[in-house]
């Protein structure tokens, strides 16, 4: 089966395809920009999480250091071994 299209129909079809291609180009550009923004947001969140983890780890280290210092500097309520009361 052979189809013959008039020159006007061919021109019309070409215009439609050009418009569709341009719409797809715009959509691709928009999605690439969205993808770039999401990647940047993700990297920012990763950096923020690493900073929070560092702060958390430092706070835990300080807590442990203070806990150890507290045990060594707080006098015991009990007398030392071998201590004689007068």
N, C-alpha and C. Protein backbone atom coordinates (compact mmCIF):
# COMPACT_ATOMS: atom_id res chain seq x y z
N UNK A 1 0.84 -1.17 0.00
CA UNK A 1 0.00 0.00 0.00
C UNK A 1 0.90 1.25 0.00
N UNK A 2 0.71 2.07 -0.90
CA UNK A 2 1.50 3.27 -1.05
C UNK A 2 0.62 4.46 -0.66
N UNK A 3 1.19 5.30 0.23
CA UNK A 3 0.45 6.48 0.64
C UNK A 3 1.13 7.71 0.05
N UNK A 4 0.34 8.53 -0.49
CA UNK A 4 0.85 9.78 -1.01
C UNK A 4 0.25 10.91 -0.20
N UNK A 5 1.11 11.74 0.28
CA UNK A 5 0.64 12.89 1.04
C UNK A 5 0.88 14.14 0.21
N UNK A 6 -0.01 15.04 0.35
CA UNK A 6 0.17 16.30 -0.36
C UNK A 6 1.31 17.07 0.28
N UNK A 7 1.86 17.99 -0.43
CA UNK A 7 2.95 18.81 0.09
C UNK A 7 2.51 19.56 1.34
N UNK A 8 1.29 20.02 1.39
CA UNK A 8 0.77 20.74 2.57
C UNK A 8 0.69 19.81 3.77
N UNK A 9 0.29 18.56 3.54
CA UNK A 9 0.20 17.61 4.65
C UNK A 9 1.60 17.29 5.19
N UNK A 10 2.56 17.16 4.28
CA UNK A 10 3.93 16.89 4.70
C UNK A 10 4.46 18.07 5.50
N UNK A 11 4.24 19.29 5.03
CA UNK A 11 4.69 20.49 5.74
C UNK A 11 4.05 20.57 7.13
N UNK A 12 2.77 20.26 7.18
CA UNK A 12 2.04 20.30 8.45
C UNK A 12 2.65 19.27 9.42
N UNK A 13 2.93 18.08 8.92
CA UNK A 13 3.50 17.02 9.76
C UNK A 13 4.90 17.43 10.25
N UNK A 14 5.69 18.04 9.36
CA UNK A 14 7.03 18.50 9.73
C UNK A 14 6.94 19.53 10.86
N UNK A 15 6.02 20.48 10.73
CA UNK A 15 5.83 21.51 11.78
C UNK A 15 5.46 20.87 13.10
N UNK A 16 4.54 19.92 13.06
CA UNK A 16 4.10 19.23 14.28
C UNK A 16 5.29 18.53 14.95
N UNK A 17 6.11 17.86 14.14
CA UNK A 17 7.27 17.15 14.68
C UNK A 17 8.31 18.13 15.24
N UNK A 18 8.49 19.25 14.59
CA UNK A 18 9.42 20.27 15.09
C UNK A 18 8.97 20.82 16.43
N UNK A 19 7.66 21.07 16.53
CA UNK A 19 7.12 21.57 17.80
C UNK A 19 7.29 20.51 18.89
N UNK A 20 7.01 19.26 18.56
CA UNK A 20 7.15 18.17 19.54
C UNK A 20 8.61 18.04 19.97
N UNK A 21 9.55 18.15 19.03
CA UNK A 21 10.99 18.08 19.35
C UNK A 21 11.39 19.23 20.27
N UNK A 22 10.92 20.41 19.98
CA UNK A 22 11.25 21.58 20.81
C UNK A 22 10.70 21.41 22.22
N UNK A 23 9.47 20.89 22.32
CA UNK A 23 8.88 20.63 23.65
C UNK A 23 9.72 19.62 24.43
N UNK A 24 10.19 18.57 23.73
CA UNK A 24 11.02 17.57 24.39
C UNK A 24 12.36 18.16 24.82
N UNK A 25 12.94 19.02 24.00
CA UNK A 25 14.21 19.67 24.38
C UNK A 25 14.02 20.49 25.65
N UNK A 26 12.91 21.24 25.71
CA UNK A 26 12.64 22.06 26.89
C UNK A 26 12.46 21.18 28.13
N UNK A 27 11.73 20.08 27.96
CA UNK A 27 11.49 19.17 29.09
C UNK A 27 12.81 18.54 29.55
N UNK A 28 13.65 18.16 28.62
CA UNK A 28 14.95 17.57 28.97
C UNK A 28 15.79 18.59 29.74
N UNK A 29 15.83 19.81 29.26
CA UNK A 29 16.60 20.86 29.94
C UNK A 29 16.07 21.08 31.36
N UNK A 30 14.76 21.10 31.50
CA UNK A 30 14.14 21.30 32.82
C UNK A 30 14.49 20.13 33.75
N UNK A 31 14.40 18.92 33.24
CA UNK A 31 14.69 17.76 34.09
C UNK A 31 16.17 17.69 34.46
N UNK A 32 17.03 18.10 33.55
CA UNK A 32 18.46 18.13 33.88
C UNK A 32 18.73 19.14 34.98
N UNK A 33 18.06 20.28 34.92
CA UNK A 33 18.22 21.29 35.97
C UNK A 33 17.70 20.76 37.30
N UNK A 34 16.56 20.09 37.27
CA UNK A 34 16.00 19.51 38.50
C UNK A 34 16.95 18.46 39.07
N UNK A 35 17.50 17.63 38.20
CA UNK A 35 18.44 16.60 38.63
C UNK A 35 19.68 17.23 39.27
N UNK A 36 20.20 18.27 38.66
CA UNK A 36 21.37 18.97 39.20
C UNK A 36 21.06 19.55 40.57
N UNK A 37 19.88 20.17 40.71
CA UNK A 37 19.48 20.74 42.00
C UNK A 37 19.35 19.67 43.07
N UNK A 38 18.78 18.52 42.70
CA UNK A 38 18.63 17.44 43.67
C UNK A 38 19.99 16.90 44.10
N UNK A 39 20.92 16.78 43.16
CA UNK A 39 22.27 16.32 43.51
C UNK A 39 22.94 17.30 44.45
N UNK A 40 22.79 18.60 44.18
CA UNK A 40 23.39 19.62 45.05
C UNK A 40 22.76 19.56 46.44
N UNK A 41 21.43 19.39 46.51
CA UNK A 41 20.76 19.28 47.80
C UNK A 41 21.25 18.06 48.57
N UNK A 42 21.42 16.96 47.85
CA UNK A 42 21.90 15.73 48.49
C UNK A 42 23.30 15.91 49.04
N UNK A 43 24.18 16.52 48.28
CA UNK A 43 25.54 16.77 48.75
C UNK A 43 25.53 17.69 49.97
N UNK A 44 24.68 18.69 49.94
CA UNK A 44 24.58 19.61 51.08
C UNK A 44 24.12 18.86 52.33
N UNK A 45 23.13 18.00 52.18
CA UNK A 45 22.63 17.22 53.31
C UNK A 45 23.70 16.27 53.83
N UNK A 46 24.48 15.68 52.93
CA UNK A 46 25.56 14.79 53.36
C UNK A 46 26.59 15.56 54.19
N UNK A 47 26.97 16.75 53.71
CA UNK A 47 27.93 17.57 54.46
C UNK A 47 27.36 17.94 55.82
N UNK A 48 26.08 18.29 55.85
CA UNK A 48 25.42 18.65 57.11
C UNK A 48 25.41 17.46 58.06
N UNK A 49 25.11 16.28 57.54
CA UNK A 49 25.09 15.08 58.38
C UNK A 49 26.48 14.77 58.93
N UNK A 50 27.51 14.93 58.10
CA UNK A 50 28.87 14.68 58.57
C UNK A 50 29.26 15.67 59.66
N UNK A 51 28.88 16.91 59.49
CA UNK A 51 29.17 17.92 60.52
C UNK A 51 28.42 17.58 61.81
N UNK A 52 27.15 17.17 61.69
CA UNK A 52 26.38 16.79 62.88
C UNK A 52 26.99 15.58 63.57
N UNK A 53 27.44 14.60 62.77
CA UNK A 53 28.06 13.41 63.34
C UNK A 53 29.35 13.77 64.08
N UNK A 54 30.13 14.66 63.48
CA UNK A 54 31.38 15.09 64.12
C UNK A 54 31.08 15.77 65.46
N UNK A 55 30.08 16.66 65.47
CA UNK A 55 29.69 17.34 66.69
C UNK A 55 29.20 16.33 67.73
N UNK A 56 28.41 15.37 67.30
CA UNK A 56 27.89 14.34 68.19
C UNK A 56 29.03 13.51 68.78
N UNK A 57 29.96 13.09 67.92
CA UNK A 57 31.11 12.30 68.40
C UNK A 57 31.95 13.09 69.39
N UNK A 58 32.19 14.37 69.08
CA UNK A 58 32.97 15.20 70.00
C UNK A 58 32.25 15.36 71.34
N UNK A 59 30.94 15.52 71.30
CA UNK A 59 30.17 15.66 72.54
C UNK A 59 30.23 14.36 73.35
N UNK A 60 30.17 13.23 72.68
CA UNK A 60 30.26 11.95 73.38
C UNK A 60 31.65 11.76 74.00
N UNK A 61 32.68 12.16 73.25
CA UNK A 61 34.03 12.06 73.80
C UNK A 61 34.18 12.95 75.04
N UNK A 62 33.65 14.15 74.97
CA UNK A 62 33.70 15.07 76.12
C UNK A 62 32.93 14.49 77.30
N UNK A 63 31.78 13.90 77.02
CA UNK A 63 30.97 13.29 78.08
C UNK A 63 31.75 12.17 78.75
N UNK A 64 32.39 11.32 77.95
CA UNK A 64 33.17 10.22 78.52
C UNK A 64 34.37 10.74 79.31
N UNK A 65 35.01 11.79 78.79
CA UNK A 65 36.16 12.38 79.49
C UNK A 65 35.71 12.94 80.84
N UNK A 66 34.57 13.64 80.84
CA UNK A 66 34.05 14.19 82.09
C UNK A 66 33.63 13.09 83.06
N UNK A 67 33.09 12.04 82.52
CA UNK A 67 32.67 10.92 83.36
C UNK A 67 33.90 10.30 84.04
N UNK A 68 34.98 10.12 83.29
CA UNK A 68 36.22 9.56 83.84
C UNK A 68 36.81 10.53 84.86
N UNK A 69 36.84 11.82 84.55
CA UNK A 69 37.36 12.82 85.49
C UNK A 69 36.52 12.86 86.76
N UNK A 70 35.24 12.74 86.62
CA UNK A 70 34.35 12.77 87.77
C UNK A 70 34.64 11.60 88.70
N UNK A 71 34.91 10.44 88.14
CA UNK A 71 35.20 9.27 88.97
C UNK A 71 36.54 9.40 89.67
N UNK A 72 37.49 10.09 89.07
CA UNK A 72 38.82 10.20 89.69
C UNK A 72 38.92 11.39 90.65
N UNK A 73 38.05 12.38 90.51
CA UNK A 73 38.17 13.57 91.37
C UNK A 73 37.10 13.63 92.45
N UNK A 74 36.04 12.87 92.34
CA UNK A 74 34.99 12.90 93.34
C UNK A 74 35.40 11.99 94.50
N UNK A 75 35.45 12.54 95.71
CA UNK A 75 35.83 11.70 96.85
C UNK A 75 34.77 10.64 97.12
N UNK A 76 35.25 9.53 97.53
CA UNK A 76 34.35 8.44 97.87
C UNK A 76 33.69 8.74 99.22
N UNK A 77 32.43 8.38 99.37
CA UNK A 77 31.79 8.60 100.67
C UNK A 77 32.30 7.64 101.74
N UNK A 78 33.07 6.65 101.29
CA UNK A 78 33.60 5.67 102.23
C UNK A 78 35.07 5.99 102.53
N UNK A 79 35.51 5.74 103.74
CA UNK A 79 36.90 6.02 104.07
C UNK A 79 37.82 5.08 103.31
N UNK A 80 39.05 5.52 103.03
CA UNK A 80 39.99 4.63 102.33
C UNK A 80 40.31 3.41 103.19
N UNK A 81 40.72 2.38 102.52
CA UNK A 81 41.06 1.13 103.20
C UNK A 81 42.23 1.38 104.15
N UNK A 82 42.12 0.84 105.33
CA UNK A 82 43.18 1.00 106.32
C UNK A 82 43.10 2.30 107.11
N UNK A 83 42.07 3.06 106.91
CA UNK A 83 41.93 4.33 107.61
C UNK A 83 41.36 4.06 109.00
N UNK A 84 41.92 4.70 109.99
CA UNK A 84 41.48 4.48 111.37
C UNK A 84 40.86 5.76 111.88
N UNK A 85 39.65 5.64 112.41
CA UNK A 85 38.99 6.81 112.99
C UNK A 85 39.47 6.98 114.41
N UNK A 86 39.65 8.20 114.82
CA UNK A 86 40.07 8.46 116.19
C UNK A 86 38.91 8.81 117.05
